[in-house]
């Protein structure tokens, strides 16, 4: 089974301007993400990893470090729209599988892309796949910035929410790990044909309420398979403080500054 990883990268960011090009250990963040995904490639890994950028600066930075990149429109309203255009530019067929890896996740588990792609390939009746991990902190469980997901007996998503779900009616939510409480990890695999369809679907009321795009798929009757990993996700980069934290990780793990942006 082969698939393509697409990394959408948008230069504009309210909280962290020029985020894809932020220096991490001497390389742009989006290059670090691509390298991280490539490091997890195996015989069942991605055919290719492609950055879908919205400006020439991103494309040049990727090409300088031997990362494939394509220029997409600057006016896309969502990452899904950018991915759909990327699929068109790359000439991908409807039955091919693509994995959406966010361009601000330089510490993503490099095996996750293959895991969600393989899960989708094994479920021909589902439209998407994603990932989750156990929640072992009450603070995390109650944090609206931590998206929760509830699964059915087949490992398919019933609902995603910023609220603490499932709710323990008769006792406080336990602070220890509980297999019913899962944290959603924002990586998605799609068949190209569904991705193209998804961008034409009307927004769902629950999607607007929760500000969670994947709820559009559930609201329109599509199913989402969920890969449950034992590994908690590394921190993403949304703010200058996040960037400092990730830079420290690269420094502490011996990633030097031998290359430049």
Protein backbone atom coordinates (compact mmCIF):
# COMPACT_ATOMS: atom_id res chain seq x y z
CA UNK A 1 0.00 0.00 0.00
CA UNK A 2 1.37 3.36 -1.02
CA UNK A 3 0.17 6.87 -0.33
CA UNK A 4 1.12 10.53 -0.57
CA UNK A 5 1.68 12.83 2.39
CA UNK A 6 0.60 16.42 1.81
CA UNK A 7 1.74 19.17 4.16
CA UNK A 8 -0.31 22.39 3.75
CA UNK A 9 1.71 25.50 4.60
CA UNK A 10 0.29 29.02 4.81
CA UNK A 11 2.61 31.95 5.40
CA UNK A 12 0.06 34.19 7.13
CA UNK A 13 -0.45 33.46 10.82
CA UNK A 14 -2.01 35.76 13.39
CA UNK A 15 -0.11 34.46 16.41
CA UNK A 16 3.18 33.56 14.72
CA UNK A 17 3.92 35.41 11.45
CA UNK A 18 5.81 33.46 8.74
CA UNK A 19 5.33 30.30 10.80
CA UNK A 20 6.29 27.71 8.12
CA UNK A 21 9.69 29.40 7.74
CA UNK A 22 10.42 29.67 11.48
CA UNK A 23 13.97 28.54 12.18
CA UNK A 24 14.24 25.24 14.05
CA UNK A 25 17.76 23.94 14.36
CA UNK A 26 18.88 25.77 11.24
CA UNK A 27 16.02 24.69 8.98
CA UNK A 28 12.51 26.01 8.29
CA UNK A 29 9.80 24.38 10.38
CA UNK A 30 7.93 23.02 7.36
CA UNK A 31 11.13 21.29 6.22
CA UNK A 32 11.52 19.77 9.68
CA UNK A 33 7.97 18.40 9.42
CA UNK A 34 8.66 16.85 6.02
CA UNK A 35 11.92 15.34 7.22
CA UNK A 36 10.18 13.93 10.28
CA UNK A 37 7.57 12.19 8.13
CA UNK A 38 10.21 10.89 5.73
CA UNK A 39 12.15 9.41 8.64
CA UNK A 40 9.21 7.09 9.33
CA UNK A 41 8.90 5.83 5.77
CA UNK A 42 9.21 2.06 5.32
CA UNK A 43 8.34 -0.36 2.54
CA UNK A 44 4.69 0.54 3.22
CA UNK A 45 5.46 4.23 3.65
CA UNK A 46 4.66 7.20 1.48
CA UNK A 47 5.30 7.33 -2.23
CA UNK A 48 6.15 10.96 -1.76
CA UNK A 49 5.97 13.82 0.70
CA UNK A 50 4.86 17.13 -0.79
CA UNK A 51 4.53 20.55 0.80
CA UNK A 52 1.55 22.53 -0.54
CA UNK A 53 2.58 26.14 0.05
CA UNK A 54 0.77 29.39 -0.62
CA UNK A 55 3.77 31.55 -1.53
CA UNK A 56 7.04 31.26 -3.48
CA UNK A 57 9.14 31.73 -0.31
CA UNK A 58 7.86 28.43 1.09
CA UNK A 59 8.49 26.63 -2.19
CA UNK A 60 12.06 27.95 -2.44
CA UNK A 61 12.83 27.02 1.17
CA UNK A 62 11.63 23.45 0.59
CA UNK A 63 13.47 23.02 -2.69
CA UNK A 64 16.69 24.26 -1.08
CA UNK A 65 16.49 21.31 1.31
CA UNK A 66 15.40 18.74 -1.33
CA UNK A 67 11.76 18.65 -0.20
CA UNK A 68 9.19 18.49 -2.99
CA UNK A 69 6.80 21.44 -2.94
CA UNK A 70 4.03 22.89 -5.09
CA UNK A 71 2.56 26.37 -5.17
CA UNK A 72 -1.17 26.58 -4.40
CA UNK A 73 -3.58 29.51 -4.33
CA UNK A 74 -3.34 32.02 -1.51
CA UNK A 75 -7.12 32.43 -1.02
CA UNK A 76 -8.09 28.97 0.26
CA UNK A 77 -10.40 29.14 3.28
CA UNK A 78 -9.23 25.82 4.76
CA UNK A 79 -6.43 23.32 4.64
CA UNK A 80 -8.78 20.80 2.99
CA UNK A 81 -9.31 23.13 0.06
CA UNK A 82 -5.55 23.53 -0.31
CA UNK A 83 -5.10 19.75 -0.27
CA UNK A 84 -7.78 19.26 -2.91
CA UNK A 85 -5.97 21.71 -5.20
CA UNK A 86 -2.69 19.93 -4.50
CA UNK A 87 -4.25 16.60 -5.53
CA UNK A 88 -5.34 18.21 -8.80
CA UNK A 89 -1.90 19.71 -9.45
CA UNK A 90 -0.23 16.38 -8.73
CA UNK A 91 -2.65 14.48 -10.99
CA UNK A 92 -3.73 12.05 -8.26
CA UNK A 93 -6.60 9.69 -9.05
CA UNK A 94 -9.77 9.39 -6.94
CA UNK A 95 -8.81 6.02 -5.42
CA UNK A 96 -5.38 7.12 -4.20
CA UNK A 97 -4.82 7.82 -0.51
CA UNK A 98 -3.39 11.08 0.77
CA UNK A 99 -2.44 11.94 4.34
CA UNK A 100 -2.77 15.48 5.70
CA UNK A 101 0.10 16.29 8.06
CA UNK A 102 -0.03 19.79 9.53
CA UNK A 103 2.93 22.03 8.74
CA UNK A 104 3.29 23.14 12.37
CA UNK A 105 3.92 19.67 13.84
CA UNK A 106 7.72 19.24 13.72
CA UNK A 107 7.57 16.62 16.50
CA UNK A 108 4.85 14.45 14.96
CA UNK A 109 5.26 10.70 15.47
CA UNK A 110 6.86 9.71 12.13
CA UNK A 111 4.97 6.39 12.06
CA UNK A 112 1.50 7.96 12.30
CA UNK A 113 1.16 8.81 8.60
CA UNK A 114 1.61 5.18 7.63
CA UNK A 115 -0.69 4.00 10.43
CA UNK A 116 -3.67 6.15 9.42
CA UNK A 117 -3.13 5.42 5.71
CA UNK A 118 -3.08 1.67 6.30
CA UNK A 119 -6.16 1.90 8.53
CA UNK A 120 -8.09 3.66 5.77
CA UNK A 121 -6.94 1.10 3.21
CA UNK A 122 -8.32 -1.69 5.43
CA UNK A 123 -11.74 -0.01 5.71
CA UNK A 124 -13.15 0.42 2.21
CA UNK A 125 -16.51 1.66 3.54
CA UNK A 126 -15.14 4.59 5.57
CA UNK A 127 -14.28 7.96 4.09
CA UNK A 128 -11.46 9.14 6.36
CA UNK A 129 -9.11 8.00 9.08
CA UNK A 130 -7.37 9.85 11.89
CA UNK A 131 -5.58 9.15 15.17
CA UNK A 132 -6.08 9.45 18.92
CA UNK A 133 -4.34 8.58 22.18
CA UNK A 134 -5.41 8.01 25.78
CA UNK A 135 -5.96 10.94 28.12
CA UNK A 136 -4.31 10.51 31.53
CA UNK A 137 -4.77 14.01 32.96
CA UNK A 138 -7.94 15.61 34.31
CA UNK A 139 -6.58 19.03 33.30
CA UNK A 140 -6.14 17.80 29.72
CA UNK A 141 -9.57 16.16 29.78
CA UNK A 142 -11.22 19.46 30.70
CA UNK A 143 -9.13 21.65 28.38
CA UNK A 144 -11.25 22.90 25.41
CA UNK A 145 -8.09 23.18 23.31
CA UNK A 146 -7.67 19.40 23.62
CA UNK A 147 -10.17 17.79 21.24
CA UNK A 148 -11.75 14.58 22.48
CA UNK A 149 -13.20 11.73 20.41
CA UNK A 150 -15.58 8.90 21.31
CA UNK A 151 -15.48 5.64 19.34
CA UNK A 152 -17.90 2.84 18.64
CA UNK A 153 -17.15 -0.89 19.01
CA UNK A 154 -15.53 -0.96 15.56
CA UNK A 155 -13.13 1.88 16.26
CA UNK A 156 -15.09 4.41 14.23
CA UNK A 157 -15.66 7.93 15.51
CA UNK A 158 -19.05 8.71 17.04
CA UNK A 159 -18.28 12.34 17.86
CA UNK A 160 -15.46 14.85 18.32
CA UNK A 161 -15.77 17.63 20.88
CA UNK A 162 -13.90 20.29 22.81
CA UNK A 163 -16.09 19.37 25.77
CA UNK A 164 -15.02 16.59 28.18
CA UNK A 165 -16.55 13.46 26.63
CA UNK A 166 -17.57 10.89 27.63
CA UNK A 167 -19.03 12.44 30.77
CA UNK A 168 -18.81 10.40 33.97
CA UNK A 169 -22.32 10.91 35.40
CA UNK A 170 -21.95 9.22 38.77
CA UNK A 171 -18.37 10.11 39.71
CA UNK A 172 -15.69 12.70 38.95
CA UNK A 173 -13.65 12.11 35.82
CA UNK A 174 -10.65 9.98 36.91
CA UNK A 175 -7.22 11.54 36.85
CA UNK A 176 -5.67 8.21 35.88
CA UNK A 177 -5.82 6.84 32.35
CA UNK A 178 -9.27 5.72 31.25
CA UNK A 179 -9.70 3.94 27.95
CA UNK A 180 -12.98 5.74 27.23
CA UNK A 181 -11.31 9.16 27.14
CA UNK A 182 -9.30 9.74 23.98
CA UNK A 183 -7.44 12.80 22.74
CA UNK A 184 -7.77 13.45 19.04
CA UNK A 185 -4.53 13.90 17.09
CA UNK A 186 -4.91 16.15 14.04
CA UNK A 187 -3.69 13.93 11.23
CA UNK A 188 -6.06 12.68 8.51
CA UNK A 189 -6.01 10.19 5.67
CA UNK A 190 -8.47 10.51 2.76
CA UNK A 191 -9.16 8.90 -0.53
CA UNK A 192 -8.68 11.66 -3.09
CA UNK A 193 -12.21 11.29 -4.43
CA UNK A 194 -13.71 11.91 -0.98
CA UNK A 195 -11.40 14.85 -0.32
CA UNK A 196 -12.67 16.49 -3.50
CA UNK A 197 -16.26 15.80 -2.41
CA UNK A 198 -15.62 17.05 1.12
CA UNK A 199 -14.72 20.53 -0.05
CA UNK A 200 -18.14 20.82 -1.74
CA UNK A 201 -20.18 19.79 1.33
CA UNK A 202 -22.09 22.44 3.24
CA UNK A 203 -20.72 23.34 6.65
CA UNK A 204 -22.48 21.55 9.48
CA UNK A 205 -24.04 23.33 12.47
CA UNK A 206 -21.98 21.19 14.86
CA UNK A 207 -18.83 21.99 12.88
CA UNK A 208 -19.47 25.71 13.27
CA UNK A 209 -20.31 25.34 16.98
CA UNK A 210 -17.21 23.31 17.88
CA UNK A 211 -14.95 24.81 15.17
CA UNK A 212 -13.95 21.28 14.15
CA UNK A 213 -13.93 20.63 10.41
CA UNK A 214 -14.06 16.81 10.74
CA UNK A 215 -17.58 17.09 12.17
CA UNK A 216 -18.74 18.06 8.68
CA UNK A 217 -17.98 14.53 7.50
CA UNK A 218 -19.90 12.91 10.36
CA UNK A 219 -22.86 15.27 9.96
CA UNK A 220 -23.16 14.32 6.28
CA UNK A 221 -23.14 10.60 7.12
CA UNK A 222 -19.51 9.70 6.43
CA UNK A 223 -17.55 7.46 8.80
CA UNK A 224 -14.10 8.13 10.23
CA UNK A 225 -11.82 5.29 11.39
CA UNK A 226 -9.54 6.10 14.32
CA UNK A 227 -6.08 4.65 14.94
CA UNK A 228 -5.36 4.61 18.68
CA UNK A 229 -1.66 5.06 19.38
CA UNK A 230 0.15 4.50 22.66
CA UNK A 231 2.29 7.61 22.05
CA UNK A 232 1.18 11.07 23.12
CA UNK A 233 1.70 13.76 20.47
CA UNK A 234 4.61 16.15 20.69
CA UNK A 235 3.81 19.85 21.02
CA UNK A 236 2.68 21.70 17.92
CA UNK A 237 3.69 25.28 17.17
CA UNK A 238 0.99 27.96 17.38
CA UNK A 239 2.68 30.67 19.44
CA UNK A 240 6.19 32.06 20.03
CA UNK A 241 6.23 30.15 23.33
CA UNK A 242 5.51 26.89 21.48
CA UNK A 243 8.34 27.65 19.06
CA UNK A 244 10.77 28.17 21.95
CA UNK A 245 9.71 24.86 23.49
CA UNK A 246 10.24 22.94 20.25
CA UNK A 247 13.61 24.60 19.62
CA UNK A 248 14.72 23.45 23.06
CA UNK A 249 13.67 19.90 22.19
CA UNK A 250 15.79 19.93 19.03
CA UNK A 251 18.73 21.38 20.94
CA UNK A 252 18.45 18.85 23.78
CA UNK A 253 18.25 15.96 21.32
CA UNK A 254 21.46 16.90 19.56
CA UNK A 255 20.00 18.46 16.43
CA UNK A 256 22.66 20.94 15.41
CA UNK A 257 22.51 24.03 13.26
CA UNK A 258 24.63 22.63 10.44
CA UNK A 259 22.17 23.81 7.80
CA UNK A 260 20.70 27.23 7.23
CA UNK A 261 17.38 28.50 5.94
